[in-house]
Amino acid sequence: MKQTETKIIPKAENADKGFHYTVTEEQIREHQKRSVKEIFEWLEKTNKFIYAIQTPEERERMKRAKNT
């Protein structure tokens, strides 16, 4: 079975938009103090949060994007 290639194209409403977040030196130092376990727990919580707020269409779009 031949897999068809799916090209991920940004949504029109997101055109010319971006995401910007500033991190201070203090925040970086605090992050560096965290254990690997704490970082993975944070990642897991963040992943669950993102999944909870996504629509089914957004989830499918992310699934396709990760498999390309």
Protein backbone atom coordinates (compact mmCIF):
# COMPACT_ATOMS: atom_id res chain seq x y z
CA MET A 1 0.00 0.00 0.00
CA LYS A 2 1.51 3.30 -1.09
CA GLN A 3 1.25 6.13 1.41
CA THR A 4 0.26 9.45 -0.11
CA GLU A 5 2.29 12.46 0.93
CA THR A 6 0.36 15.06 2.88
CA LYS A 7 1.71 18.58 2.80
CA ILE A 8 0.92 20.62 5.89
CA ILE A 9 -0.19 24.11 4.92
CA PRO A 10 -0.77 26.81 7.56
CA LYS A 11 -4.35 27.85 8.13
CA ALA A 12 -5.24 31.09 6.33
CA GLU A 13 -6.18 32.82 9.59
CA ASN A 14 -2.65 32.18 10.87
CA ALA A 15 -0.93 33.80 7.90
CA ASP A 16 1.71 36.36 8.87
CA LYS A 17 1.29 35.55 12.56
CA GLY A 18 3.81 34.10 14.89
CA PHE A 19 4.46 33.29 18.49
CA HIS A 20 6.91 35.15 20.68
CA TYR A 21 7.86 34.46 24.26
CA THR A 22 10.59 36.16 26.24
CA VAL A 23 12.53 34.17 28.82
CA THR A 24 14.61 35.93 31.43
CA GLU A 25 18.04 34.82 32.62
CA GLU A 26 16.49 34.07 36.03
CA GLN A 27 13.86 31.79 34.43
CA ILE A 28 16.62 29.93 32.60
CA ARG A 29 18.59 29.46 35.84
CA GLU A 30 15.46 28.20 37.64
CA HIS A 31 14.74 25.76 34.81
CA GLN A 32 18.28 24.42 34.97
CA LYS A 33 17.70 23.51 38.63
CA ARG A 34 14.84 21.16 37.71
CA SER A 35 15.36 17.43 37.62
CA VAL A 36 14.74 15.38 34.50
CA LYS A 37 11.67 13.92 36.25
CA GLU A 38 10.25 17.41 36.89
CA ILE A 39 10.81 18.42 33.27
CA PHE A 40 9.06 15.30 31.96
CA GLU A 41 6.15 15.82 34.36
CA TRP A 42 5.80 19.39 33.07
CA LEU A 43 5.87 18.14 29.48
CA GLU A 44 3.20 15.54 30.24
CA LYS A 45 0.92 18.12 31.89
CA THR A 46 1.43 20.53 29.00
CA ASN A 47 0.63 17.80 26.46
CA LYS A 48 -2.60 16.91 28.30
CA PHE A 49 -3.59 20.58 28.45
CA ILE A 50 -3.00 21.11 24.73
CA TYR A 51 -4.95 17.96 23.87
CA ALA A 52 -7.86 19.11 26.07
CA ILE A 53 -8.21 22.47 24.31
CA GLN A 54 -7.76 21.21 20.74
CA THR A 55 -10.70 20.52 18.48
CA PRO A 56 -10.84 17.09 16.79
CA GLU A 57 -9.79 18.80 13.56
CA GLU A 58 -6.74 20.36 15.24
CA ARG A 59 -5.79 17.00 16.73
CA GLU A 60 -5.94 15.37 13.31
CA ARG A 61 -3.89 18.19 11.81
CA MET A 62 -1.20 17.77 14.49
CA LYS A 63 -1.20 14.01 13.98
CA ARG A 64 -0.59 14.51 10.25
CA ALA A 65 2.13 17.08 10.94
CA LYS A 66 4.00 14.72 13.27
CA ASN A 67 3.92 11.88 10.75
CA THR A 68 5.50 13.83 7.89
